[in-house]
């Protein structure tokens, strides 16, 4: 479905996606923070796996587990934040903007 401007009927319409972008950023930061709290568990698991390689394996496994825990938390938070922001964009904000006349409008007004 092509969205048209309700004012000038132009098909030159784009989405702003402001809430999706902000949600993704907040979700990434929050997810990384949550991942950091899980670093200890990730480091412990990595250290246990690295035991077979000796002391260096324990250190490397612990660091890898901690890093992967933080990255997994950040990625999960980013996806969740972006999805929530997408819903806000579509249902609350005037997410569409006409490139011809500059009108901002919501999907409820699109043709």
PDB file of N, CA and C in Angstrom:
ATOM      1  N   UNK A   1       0.844  -1.174   0.000  1.00  0.00           N
ATOM      2  CA  UNK A   1       0.000   0.000   0.000  1.00  0.00           C
ATOM      3  C   UNK A   1       0.892   1.241   0.000  1.00  0.00           C
ATOM      4  N   UNK A   2       0.692   2.124  -0.946  1.00  0.00           N
ATOM      5  CA  UNK A   2       1.433   3.369  -1.006  1.00  0.00           C
ATOM      6  C   UNK A   2       0.671   4.427  -0.238  1.00  0.00           C
ATOM      7  N   UNK A   3       1.361   5.067   0.687  1.00  0.00           N
ATOM      8  CA  UNK A   3       0.736   6.136   1.452  1.00  0.00           C
ATOM      9  C   UNK A   3       0.769   7.411   0.634  1.00  0.00           C
ATOM     10  N   UNK A   4      -0.317   8.166   0.735  1.00  0.00           N
ATOM     11  CA  UNK A   4      -0.402   9.450   0.055  1.00  0.00           C
ATOM     12  C   UNK A   4      -0.641  10.532   1.084  1.00  0.00           C
ATOM     13  N   UNK A   5      -0.146  11.704   0.790  1.00  0.00           N
ATOM     14  CA  UNK A   5      -0.358  12.856   1.650  1.00  0.00           C
ATOM     15  C   UNK A   5      -1.833  13.238   1.613  1.00  0.00           C
ATOM     16  N   UNK A   6      -2.473  13.403   2.780  1.00  0.00           N
ATOM     17  CA  UNK A   6      -3.880  13.783   2.785  1.00  0.00           C
ATOM     18  C   UNK A   6      -4.105  15.223   2.338  1.00  0.00           C
ATOM     19  N   UNK A   7      -3.049  16.027   2.283  1.00  0.00           N
ATOM     20  CA  UNK A   7      -3.191  17.423   1.892  1.00  0.00           C
ATOM     21  C   UNK A   7      -3.005  17.622   0.388  1.00  0.00           C
ATOM     22  N   UNK A   8      -1.848  17.132  -0.134  1.00  0.00           N
ATOM     23  CA  UNK A   8      -1.542  17.382  -1.548  1.00  0.00           C
ATOM     24  C   UNK A   8      -1.640  16.135  -2.417  1.00  0.00           C
ATOM     25  N   UNK A   9      -1.979  14.980  -1.807  1.00  0.00           N
ATOM     26  CA  UNK A   9      -2.122  13.691  -2.495  1.00  0.00           C
ATOM     27  C   UNK A   9      -0.833  13.176  -3.111  1.00  0.00           C
ATOM     28  N   UNK A  10       0.293  13.720  -2.715  1.00  0.00           N
ATOM     29  CA  UNK A  10       1.590  13.263  -3.227  1.00  0.00           C
ATOM     30  C   UNK A  10       1.909  11.865  -2.682  1.00  0.00           C
ATOM     31  N   UNK A  11       2.578  11.078  -3.490  1.00  0.00           N
ATOM     32  CA  UNK A  11       3.027   9.752  -3.050  1.00  0.00           C
ATOM     33  C   UNK A  11       4.450   9.820  -2.496  1.00  0.00           C
ATOM     34  N   UNK A  12       5.027  11.008  -2.448  1.00  0.00           N
ATOM     35  CA  UNK A  12       6.382  11.197  -1.908  1.00  0.00           C
ATOM     36  C   UNK A  12       6.304  11.316  -0.392  1.00  0.00           C
ATOM     37  N   UNK A  13       6.069  10.176   0.245  1.00  0.00           N
ATOM     38  CA  UNK A  13       5.874  10.124   1.687  1.00  0.00           C
ATOM     39  C   UNK A  13       6.890   9.162   2.292  1.00  0.00           C
ATOM     40  N   UNK A  14       7.493   9.592   3.388  1.00  0.00           N
ATOM     41  CA  UNK A  14       8.433   8.727   4.110  1.00  0.00           C
ATOM     42  C   UNK A  14       7.996   8.640   5.571  1.00  0.00           C
ATOM     43  N   UNK A  15       8.575   7.674   6.282  1.00  0.00           N
ATOM     44  CA  UNK A  15       8.314   7.556   7.715  1.00  0.00           C
ATOM     45  C   UNK A  15       9.480   8.152   8.481  1.00  0.00           C
ATOM     46  N   UNK A  16       9.163   8.769   9.628  1.00  0.00           N
ATOM     47  CA  UNK A  16      10.198   9.364  10.474  1.00  0.00           C
ATOM     48  C   UNK A  16      10.794   8.326  11.419  1.00  0.00           C
ATOM     49  N   UNK A  17       9.990   7.418  11.934  1.00  0.00           N
ATOM     50  CA  UNK A  17      10.431   6.337  12.824  1.00  0.00           C
ATOM     51  C   UNK A  17      11.235   6.828  14.026  1.00  0.00           C
ATOM     52  N   UNK A  18      10.842   7.956  14.592  1.00  0.00           N
ATOM     53  CA  UNK A  18      11.567   8.534  15.721  1.00  0.00           C
ATOM     54  C   UNK A  18      11.484   7.634  16.952  1.00  0.00           C
ATOM     55  N   UNK A  19      10.307   7.172  17.309  1.00  0.00           N
ATOM     56  CA  UNK A  19      10.155   6.339  18.503  1.00  0.00           C
ATOM     57  C   UNK A  19      10.885   5.002  18.331  1.00  0.00           C
ATOM     58  N   UNK A  20      10.903   4.460  17.133  1.00  0.00           N
ATOM     59  CA  UNK A  20      11.622   3.202  16.889  1.00  0.00           C
ATOM     60  C   UNK A  20      13.109   3.397  17.118  1.00  0.00           C
ATOM     61  N   UNK A  21      13.658   4.493  16.630  1.00  0.00           N
ATOM     62  CA  UNK A  21      15.088   4.760  16.797  1.00  0.00           C
ATOM     63  C   UNK A  21      15.435   4.988  18.269  1.00  0.00           C
ATOM     64  N   UNK A  22      14.619   5.796  18.952  1.00  0.00           N
ATOM     65  CA  UNK A  22      14.867   6.058  20.374  1.00  0.00           C
ATOM     66  C   UNK A  22      14.688   4.781  21.186  1.00  0.00           C
ATOM     67  N   UNK A  23      13.660   4.012  20.868  1.00  0.00           N
ATOM     68  CA  UNK A  23      13.434   2.746  21.562  1.00  0.00           C
ATOM     69  C   UNK A  23      14.587   1.781  21.385  1.00  0.00           C
ATOM     70  N   UNK A  24      15.149   1.737  20.192  1.00  0.00           N
ATOM     71  CA  UNK A  24      16.284   0.851  19.933  1.00  0.00           C
ATOM     72  C   UNK A  24      17.501   1.272  20.751  1.00  0.00           C
ATOM     73  N   UNK A  25      17.734   2.577  20.835  1.00  0.00           N
ATOM     74  CA  UNK A  25      18.883   3.067  21.612  1.00  0.00           C
ATOM     75  C   UNK A  25      18.695   2.763  23.096  1.00  0.00           C
ATOM     76  N   UNK A  26      17.516   3.088  23.623  1.00  0.00           N
ATOM     77  CA  UNK A  26      17.246   2.839  25.044  1.00  0.00           C
ATOM     78  C   UNK A  26      17.297   1.341  25.334  1.00  0.00           C
ATOM     79  N   UNK A  27      16.724   0.546  24.445  1.00  0.00           N
ATOM     80  CA  UNK A  27      16.748  -0.902  24.624  1.00  0.00           C
ATOM     81  C   UNK A  27      18.150  -1.469  24.593  1.00  0.00           C
ATOM     82  N   UNK A  28      18.990  -0.939  23.724  1.00  0.00           N
ATOM     83  CA  UNK A  28      20.374  -1.405  23.645  1.00  0.00           C
ATOM     84  C   UNK A  28      21.121  -1.098  24.935  1.00  0.00           C
ATOM     85  N   UNK A  29      20.979   0.129  25.416  1.00  0.00           N
ATOM     86  CA  UNK A  29      21.654   0.519  26.658  1.00  0.00           C
ATOM     87  C   UNK A  29      21.126  -0.303  27.830  1.00  0.00           C
ATOM     88  N   UNK A  30      19.809  -0.417  27.918  1.00  0.00           N
ATOM     89  CA  UNK A  30      19.213  -1.206  29.005  1.00  0.00           C
ATOM     90  C   UNK A  30      19.585  -2.674  28.930  1.00  0.00           C
ATOM     91  N   UNK A  31      19.578  -3.216  27.730  1.00  0.00           N
ATOM     92  CA  UNK A  31      19.945  -4.619  27.547  1.00  0.00           C
ATOM     93  C   UNK A  31      21.402  -4.870  27.875  1.00  0.00           C
ATOM     94  N   UNK A  32      22.253  -3.921  27.489  1.00  0.00           N
ATOM     95  CA  UNK A  32      23.674  -4.062  27.825  1.00  0.00           C
ATOM     96  C   UNK A  32      23.870  -3.987  29.334  1.00  0.00           C
ATOM     97  N   UNK A  33      23.130  -3.079  29.979  1.00  0.00           N
ATOM     98  CA  UNK A  33      23.224  -2.975  31.444  1.00  0.00           C
ATOM     99  C   UNK A  33      22.757  -4.274  32.098  1.00  0.00           C
ATOM    100  N   UNK A  34      21.688  -4.824  31.584  1.00  0.00           N
ATOM    101  CA  UNK A  34      21.198  -6.103  32.102  1.00  0.00           C
ATOM    102  C   UNK A  34      22.225  -7.197  31.830  1.00  0.00           C
ATOM    103  N   UNK A  35      22.843  -7.150  30.662  1.00  0.00           N
ATOM    104  CA  UNK A  35      23.875  -8.125  30.327  1.00  0.00           C
ATOM    105  C   UNK A  35      25.081  -8.004  31.240  1.00  0.00           C
ATOM    106  N   UNK A  36      25.414  -6.774  31.646  1.00  0.00           N
ATOM    107  CA  UNK A  36      26.543  -6.568  32.544  1.00  0.00           C
ATOM    108  C   UNK A  36      26.257  -7.197  33.900  1.00  0.00           C
ATOM    109  N   UNK A  37      25.007  -7.135  34.340  1.00  0.00           N
ATOM    110  CA  UNK A  37      24.680  -7.784  35.612  1.00  0.00           C
ATOM    111  C   UNK A  37      24.777  -9.304  35.493  1.00  0.00           C
ATOM    112  N   UNK A  38      24.634  -9.808  34.295  1.00  0.00           N
ATOM    113  CA  UNK A  38      24.776 -11.242  34.064  1.00  0.00           C
ATOM    114  C   UNK A  38      26.195 -11.647  33.684  1.00  0.00           C
ATOM    115  N   UNK A  39      27.115 -10.678  33.710  1.00  0.00           N
ATOM    116  CA  UNK A  39      28.496 -10.957  33.327  1.00  0.00           C
ATOM    117  C   UNK A  39      29.113 -12.014  34.232  1.00  0.00           C
ATOM    118  N   UNK A  40      28.820 -11.929  35.496  1.00  0.00           N
ATOM    119  CA  UNK A  40      29.410 -12.888  36.426  1.00  0.00           C
ATOM    120  C   UNK A  40      29.015 -14.321  36.067  1.00  0.00           C
ATOM    121  N   UNK A  41      27.727 -14.505  35.773  1.00  0.00           N
ATOM    122  CA  UNK A  41      27.272 -15.847  35.395  1.00  0.00           C
ATOM    123  C   UNK A  41      27.921 -16.282  34.082  1.00  0.00           C
ATOM    124  N   UNK A  42      27.986 -15.355  33.117  1.00  0.00           N
ATOM    125  CA  UNK A  42      28.616 -15.683  31.840  1.00  0.00           C
ATOM    126  C   UNK A  42      30.088 -15.981  31.997  1.00  0.00           C
ATOM    127  N   UNK A  43      30.743 -15.233  32.859  1.00  0.00           N
ATOM    128  CA  UNK A  43      32.166 -15.459  33.098  1.00  0.00           C
ATOM    129  C   UNK A  43      32.384 -16.813  33.775  1.00  0.00           C
ATOM    130  N   UNK A  44      31.504 -17.162  34.692  1.00  0.00           N
ATOM    131  CA  UNK A  44      31.631 -18.451  35.368  1.00  0.00           C
ATOM    132  C   UNK A  44      31.453 -19.606  34.395  1.00  0.00           C
ATOM    133  N   UNK A  45      30.448 -19.489  33.526  1.00  0.00           N
ATOM    134  CA  UNK A  45      30.221 -20.545  32.531  1.00  0.00           C
ATOM    135  C   UNK A  45      31.411 -20.643  31.588  1.00  0.00           C
ATOM    136  N   UNK A  46      31.880 -19.490  31.118  1.00  0.00           N
ATOM    137  CA  UNK A  46      33.036 -19.488  30.225  1.00  0.00           C
ATOM    138  C   UNK A  46      34.273 -20.051  30.890  1.00  0.00           C
ATOM    139  N   UNK A  47      34.454 -19.741  32.178  1.00  0.00           N
ATOM    140  CA  UNK A  47      35.611 -20.254  32.906  1.00  0.00           C
ATOM    141  C   UNK A  47      35.533 -21.771  33.047  1.00  0.00           C
ATOM    142  N   UNK A  48      34.341 -22.294  33.307  1.00  0.00           N
ATOM    143  CA  UNK A  48      34.171 -23.740  33.434  1.00  0.00           C
ATOM    144  C   UNK A  48      34.481 -24.423  32.111  1.00  0.00           C
ATOM    145  N   UNK A  49      34.022 -23.835  31.035  1.00  0.00           N
ATOM    146  CA  UNK A  49      34.292 -24.409  29.708  1.00  0.00           C
ATOM    147  C   UNK A  49      35.776 -24.337  29.387  1.00  0.00           C
ATOM    148  N   UNK A  50      36.434 -23.260  29.837  1.00  0.00           N
ATOM    149  CA  UNK A  50      37.843 -23.078  29.535  1.00  0.00           C
ATOM    150  C   UNK A  50      38.785 -23.880  30.409  1.00  0.00           C
ATOM    151  N   UNK A  51      38.274 -24.580  31.433  1.00  0.00           N
ATOM    152  CA  UNK A  51      39.126 -25.357  32.342  1.00  0.00           C
ATOM    153  C   UNK A  51      39.974 -26.375  31.590  1.00  0.00           C
ATOM    154  N   UNK A  52      39.437 -26.944  30.544  1.00  0.00           N
ATOM    155  CA  UNK A  52      40.170 -27.970  29.788  1.00  0.00           C
ATOM    156  C   UNK A  52      41.456 -27.413  29.194  1.00  0.00           C
ATOM    157  N   UNK A  53      41.508 -26.103  28.959  1.00  0.00           N
ATOM    158  CA  UNK A  53      42.697 -25.504  28.360  1.00  0.00           C
ATOM    159  C   UNK A  53      43.663 -24.953  29.409  1.00  0.00           C
ATOM    160  N   UNK A  54      43.372 -25.151  30.673  1.00  0.00           N
ATOM    161  CA  UNK A  54      44.274 -24.683  31.715  1.00  0.00           C
ATOM    162  C   UNK A  54      43.944 -23.271  32.164  1.00  0.00           C
ATOM    163  N   UNK A  55      44.859 -22.644  32.908  1.00  0.00           N
ATOM    164  CA  UNK A  55      44.604 -21.300  33.460  1.00  0.00           C
ATOM    165  C   UNK A  55      44.295 -20.246  32.388  1.00  0.00           C
ATOM    166  N   UNK A  56      45.021 -20.303  31.296  1.00  0.00           N
ATOM    167  CA  UNK A  56      44.750 -19.342  30.212  1.00  0.00           C
ATOM    168  C   UNK A  56      43.350 -19.557  29.649  1.00  0.00           C
ATOM    169  N   UNK A  57      42.926 -20.797  29.555  1.00  0.00           N
ATOM    170  CA  UNK A  57      41.584 -21.111  29.062  1.00  0.00           C
ATOM    171  C   UNK A  57      40.514 -20.618  30.001  1.00  0.00           C
ATOM    172  N   UNK A  58      40.764 -20.671  31.298  1.00  0.00           N
ATOM    173  CA  UNK A  58      39.797 -20.160  32.281  1.00  0.00           C
ATOM    174  C   UNK A  58      39.626 -18.661  32.102  1.00  0.00           C
ATOM    175  N   UNK A  59      40.748 -17.948  31.957  1.00  0.00           N
ATOM    176  CA  UNK A  59      40.684 -16.492  31.781  1.00  0.00           C
ATOM    177  C   UNK A  59      40.006 -16.139  30.461  1.00  0.00           C
ATOM    178  N   UNK A  60      40.439 -16.775  29.373  1.00  0.00           N
ATOM    179  CA  UNK A  60      39.856 -16.482  28.057  1.00  0.00           C
ATOM    180  C   UNK A  60      38.384 -16.874  28.013  1.00  0.00           C
ATOM    181  N   UNK A  61      38.050 -18.021  28.583  1.00  0.00           N
ATOM    182  CA  UNK A  61      36.652 -18.457  28.603  1.00  0.00           C
ATOM    183  C   UNK A  61      35.788 -17.536  29.435  1.00  0.00           C
ATOM    184  N   UNK A  62      36.327 -17.075  30.568  1.00  0.00           N
ATOM    185  CA  UNK A  62      35.592 -16.136  31.410  1.00  0.00           C
ATOM    186  C   UNK A  62      35.340 -14.826  30.706  1.00  0.00           C
ATOM    187  N   UNK A  63      36.360 -14.303  30.019  1.00  0.00           N
ATOM    188  CA  UNK A  63      36.202 -13.041  29.280  1.00  0.00           C
ATOM    189  C   UNK A  63      35.217 -13.215  28.128  1.00  0.00           C
ATOM    190  N   UNK A  64      35.323 -14.317  27.412  1.00  0.00           N
ATOM    191  CA  UNK A  64      34.409 -14.553  26.291  1.00  0.00           C
ATOM    192  C   UNK A  64      32.972 -14.667  26.776  1.00  0.00           C
ATOM    193  N   UNK A  65      32.762 -15.375  27.878  1.00  0.00           N
ATOM    194  CA  UNK A  65      31.414 -15.495  28.434  1.00  0.00           C
ATOM    195  C   UNK A  65      30.848 -14.161  28.851  1.00  0.00           C
ATOM    196  N   UNK A  66      31.672 -13.312  29.462  1.00  0.00           N
ATOM    197  CA  UNK A  66      31.228 -11.992  29.888  1.00  0.00           C
ATOM    198  C   UNK A  66      30.868 -11.115  28.685  1.00  0.00           C
ATOM    199  N   UNK A  67      31.722 -11.135  27.669  1.00  0.00           N
ATOM    200  CA  UNK A  67      31.472 -10.319  26.471  1.00  0.00           C
ATOM    201  C   UNK A  67      30.210 -10.783  25.753  1.00  0.00           C
ATOM    202  N   UNK A  68      30.069 -12.092  25.589  1.00  0.00           N
ATOM    203  CA  UNK A  68      28.884 -12.605  24.901  1.00  0.00           C
ATOM    204  C   UNK A  68      27.608 -12.306  25.683  1.00  0.00           C
ATOM    205  N   UNK A  69      27.686 -12.343  27.017  1.00  0.00           N
ATOM    206  CA  UNK A  69      26.517 -11.994  27.832  1.00  0.00           C
ATOM    207  C   UNK A  69      26.095 -10.550  27.619  1.00  0.00           C
ATOM    208  N   UNK A  70      27.058  -9.637  27.586  1.00  0.00           N
ATOM    209  CA  UNK A  70      26.757  -8.225  27.342  1.00  0.00           C
ATOM    210  C   UNK A  70      26.196  -7.985  25.953  1.00  0.00           C
ATOM    211  N   UNK A  71      26.788  -8.640  24.949  1.00  0.00           N
ATOM    212  CA  UNK A  71      26.309  -8.472  23.568  1.00  0.00           C
ATOM    213  C   UNK A  71      24.910  -9.045  23.381  1.00  0.00           C
ATOM    214  N   UNK A  72      24.655 -10.191  23.980  1.00  0.00           N
ATOM    215  CA  UNK A  72      23.332 -10.798  23.859  1.00  0.00           C
ATOM    216  C   UNK A  72      22.277  -9.920  24.527  1.00  0.00           C
ATOM    217  N   UNK A  73      22.606  -9.356  25.673  1.00  0.00           N
ATOM    218  CA  UNK A  73      21.676  -8.453  26.354  1.00  0.00           C
ATOM    219  C   UNK A  73      21.398  -7.207  25.532  1.00  0.00           C
ATOM    220  N   UNK A  74      22.446  -6.627  24.944  1.00  0.00           N
ATOM    221  CA  UNK A  74      22.290  -5.426  24.124  1.00  0.00           C
ATOM    222  C   UNK A  74      21.436  -5.706  22.890  1.00  0.00           C
ATOM    223  N   UNK A  75      21.684  -6.834  22.229  1.00  0.00           N
ATOM    224  CA  UNK A  75      20.921  -7.175  21.024  1.00  0.00           C
ATOM    225  C   UNK A  75      19.452  -7.414  21.347  1.00  0.00           C
ATOM    226  N   UNK A  76      19.193  -8.136  22.426  1.00  0.00           N
ATOM    227  CA  UNK A  76      17.815  -8.407  22.822  1.00  0.00           C
ATOM    228  C   UNK A  76      17.090  -7.118  23.187  1.00  0.00           C
ATOM    229  N   UNK A  77      17.767  -6.255  23.936  1.00  0.00           N
ATOM    230  CA  UNK A  77      17.171  -4.976  24.317  1.00  0.00           C
ATOM    231  C   UNK A  77      16.894  -4.088  23.124  1.00  0.00           C
ATOM    232  N   UNK A  78      17.796  -4.098  22.158  1.00  0.00           N
ATOM    233  CA  UNK A  78      17.626  -3.295  20.944  1.00  0.00           C
ATOM    234  C   UNK A  78      16.389  -3.733  20.169  1.00  0.00           C
ATOM    235  N   UNK A  79      16.232  -5.034  19.997  1.00  0.00           N
ATOM    236  CA  UNK A  79      15.070  -5.553  19.255  1.00  0.00           C
ATOM    237  C   UNK A  79      13.773  -5.218  19.973  1.00  0.00           C
ATOM    238  N   UNK A  80      13.747  -5.427  21.283  1.00  0.00           N
ATOM    239  CA  UNK A  80      12.525  -5.145  22.049  1.00  0.00           C
ATOM    240  C   UNK A  80      12.195  -3.659  22.027  1.00  0.00           C
ATOM    241  N   UNK A  81      13.202  -2.811  22.189  1.00  0.00           N
ATOM    242  CA  UNK A  81      12.981  -1.367  22.167  1.00  0.00           C
ATOM    243  C   UNK A  81      12.499  -0.873  20.814  1.00  0.00           C
ATOM    244  N   UNK A  82      13.075  -1.426  19.750  1.00  0.00           N
ATOM    245  CA  UNK A  82      12.668  -1.025  18.404  1.00  0.00           C
ATOM    246  C   UNK A  82      11.225  -1.426  18.110  1.00  0.00           C
ATOM    247  N   UNK A  83      10.835  -2.622  18.565  1.00  0.00           N
ATOM    248  CA  UNK A  83       9.452  -3.069  18.340  1.00  0.00           C
ATOM    249  C   UNK A  83       8.462  -2.193  19.105  1.00  0.00           C
ATOM    250  N   UNK A  84       8.786  -1.872  20.353  1.00  0.00           N
ATOM    251  CA  UNK A  84       7.917  -0.998  21.135  1.00  0.00           C
ATOM    252  C   UNK A  84       7.824   0.378  20.483  1.00  0.00           C
ATOM    253  N   UNK A  85       8.958   0.911  20.041  1.00  0.00           N
ATOM    254  CA  UNK A  85       8.965   2.206  19.367  1.00  0.00           C
ATOM    255  C   UNK A  85       8.161   2.189  18.077  1.00  0.00           C
ATOM    256  N   UNK A  86       8.203   1.085  17.369  1.00  0.00           N
ATOM    257  CA  UNK A  86       7.440   0.949  16.124  1.00  0.00           C
ATOM    258  C   UNK A  86       5.933   1.058  16.398  1.00  0.00           C
ATOM    259  N   UNK A  87       5.489   0.432  17.474  1.00  0.00           N
ATOM    260  CA  UNK A  87       4.075   0.502  17.852  1.00  0.00           C
ATOM    261  C   UNK A  87       3.702   1.944  18.206  1.00  0.00           C
ATOM    262  N   UNK A  88       4.574   2.617  18.938  1.00  0.00           N
ATOM    263  CA  UNK A  88       4.305   4.017  19.304  1.00  0.00           C
ATOM    264  C   UNK A  88       4.265   4.883  18.051  1.00  0.00           C
ATOM    265  N   UNK A  89       5.198   4.666  17.125  1.00  0.00           N
ATOM    266  CA  UNK A  89       5.200   5.427  15.866  1.00  0.00           C
ATOM    267  C   UNK A  89       3.878   5.269  15.120  1.00  0.00           C
ATOM    268  N   UNK A  90       3.407   4.040  15.019  1.00  0.00           N
ATOM    269  CA  UNK A  90       2.214   3.771  14.222  1.00  0.00           C
ATOM    270  C   UNK A  90       0.915   4.196  14.900  1.00  0.00           C
ATOM    271  N   UNK A  91       0.860   4.114  16.221  1.00  0.00           N
ATOM    272  CA  UNK A  91      -0.418   4.343  16.910  1.00  0.00           C
ATOM    273  C   UNK A  91      -0.526   5.669  17.636  1.00  0.00           C
ATOM    274  N   UNK A  92       0.591   6.317  17.905  1.00  0.00           N
ATOM    275  CA  UNK A  92       0.539   7.539  18.712  1.00  0.00           C
ATOM    276  C   UNK A  92       1.042   8.758  17.940  1.00  0.00           C
ATOM    277  N   UNK A  93       2.175   8.625  17.287  1.00  0.00           N
ATOM    278  CA  UNK A  93       2.826   9.777  16.660  1.00  0.00           C
ATOM    279  C   UNK A  93       2.404   9.969  15.208  1.00  0.00           C
ATOM    280  N   UNK A  94       2.610  11.188  14.721  1.00  0.00           N
ATOM    281  CA  UNK A  94       2.454  11.461  13.290  1.00  0.00           C
ATOM    282  C   UNK A  94       3.758  11.006  12.632  1.00  0.00           C
ATOM    283  N   UNK A  95       3.797   9.745  12.235  1.00  0.00           N
ATOM    284  CA  UNK A  95       5.036   9.121  11.782  1.00  0.00           C
ATOM    285  C   UNK A  95       5.355   9.398  10.319  1.00  0.00           C
ATOM    286  N   UNK A  96       4.390   9.823   9.550  1.00  0.00           N
ATOM    287  CA  UNK A  96       4.607  10.040   8.122  1.00  0.00           C
ATOM    288  C   UNK A  96       4.829  11.519   7.839  1.00  0.00           C
ATOM    289  N   UNK A  97       5.681  11.798   6.851  1.00  0.00           N
ATOM    290  CA  UNK A  97       5.913  13.176   6.431  1.00  0.00           C
ATOM    291  C   UNK A  97       5.938  13.226   4.903  1.00  0.00           C
ATOM    292  N   UNK A  98       5.256  14.213   4.363  1.00  0.00           N
ATOM    293  CA  UNK A  98       5.214  14.412   2.913  1.00  0.00           C
ATOM    294  C   UNK A  98       6.454  15.192   2.495  1.00  0.00           C
ATOM    295  N   UNK A  99       7.176  14.682   1.517  1.00  0.00           N
ATOM    296  CA  UNK A  99       8.377  15.359   1.042  1.00  0.00           C
ATOM    297  C   UNK A  99       8.052  16.559   0.157  1.00  0.00           C
ATOM    298  N   UNK A 100       6.818  16.627  -0.348  1.00  0.00           N
ATOM    299  CA  UNK A 100       6.444  17.739  -1.218  1.00  0.00           C
ATOM    300  C   UNK A 100       5.945  18.953  -0.434  1.00  0.00           C
ATOM    301  N   UNK A 101       5.005  18.731   0.492  1.00  0.00           N
ATOM    302  CA  UNK A 101       4.433  19.871   1.212  1.00  0.00           C
ATOM    303  C   UNK A 101       4.874  19.950   2.676  1.00  0.00           C
ATOM    304  N   UNK A 102       5.551  18.902   3.199  1.00  0.00           N
ATOM    305  CA  UNK A 102       6.070  18.933   4.563  1.00  0.00           C
ATOM    306  C   UNK A 102       5.070  18.567   5.647  1.00  0.00           C
ATOM    307  N   UNK A 103       3.871  18.151   5.282  1.00  0.00           N
ATOM    308  CA  UNK A 103       2.854  17.794   6.269  1.00  0.00           C
ATOM    309  C   UNK A 103       3.241  16.512   6.997  1.00  0.00           C
ATOM    310  N   UNK A 104       3.120  16.518   8.326  1.00  0.00           N
ATOM    311  CA  UNK A 104       3.290  15.298   9.132  1.00  0.00           C
ATOM    312  C   UNK A 104       1.906  14.751   9.449  1.00  0.00           C
ATOM    313  N   UNK A 105       1.742  13.438   9.311  1.00  0.00           N
ATOM    314  CA  UNK A 105       0.438  12.849   9.558  1.00  0.00           C
ATOM    315  C   UNK A 105       0.601  11.409  10.000  1.00  0.00           C
ATOM    316  N   UNK A 106      -0.463  10.856  10.547  1.00  0.00           N
ATOM    317  CA  UNK A 106      -0.425   9.465  11.006  1.00  0.00           C
ATOM    318  C   UNK A 106      -1.051   8.566   9.942  1.00  0.00           C
ATOM    319  N   UNK A 107      -0.914   7.248  10.134  1.00  0.00           N
ATOM    320  CA  UNK A 107      -1.442   6.302   9.154  1.00  0.00           C
ATOM    321  C   UNK A 107      -2.965   6.343   9.121  1.00  0.00           C
ATOM    322  N   UNK A 108      -3.595   6.821  10.202  1.00  0.00           N
ATOM    323  CA  UNK A 108      -5.053   6.913  10.227  1.00  0.00           C
ATOM    324  C   UNK A 108      -5.557   7.884   9.158  1.00  0.00           C
ATOM    325  N   UNK A 109      -4.689   8.838   8.731  1.00  0.00           N
ATOM    326  CA  UNK A 109      -5.089   9.806   7.734  1.00  0.00           C
ATOM    327  C   UNK A 109      -4.626   9.454   6.332  1.00  0.00           C
ATOM    328  N   UNK A 110      -3.790   8.415   6.224  1.00  0.00           N
ATOM    329  CA  UNK A 110      -3.240   8.097   4.907  1.00  0.00           C
ATOM    330  C   UNK A 110      -4.302   7.441   4.039  1.00  0.00           C
ATOM    331  N   UNK A 111      -4.123   7.626   2.743  1.00  0.00           N
ATOM    332  CA  UNK A 111      -5.098   7.096   1.790  1.00  0.00           C
ATOM    333  C   UNK A 111      -4.786   5.675   1.428  1.00  0.00           C
TER     334      UNK A 111
END
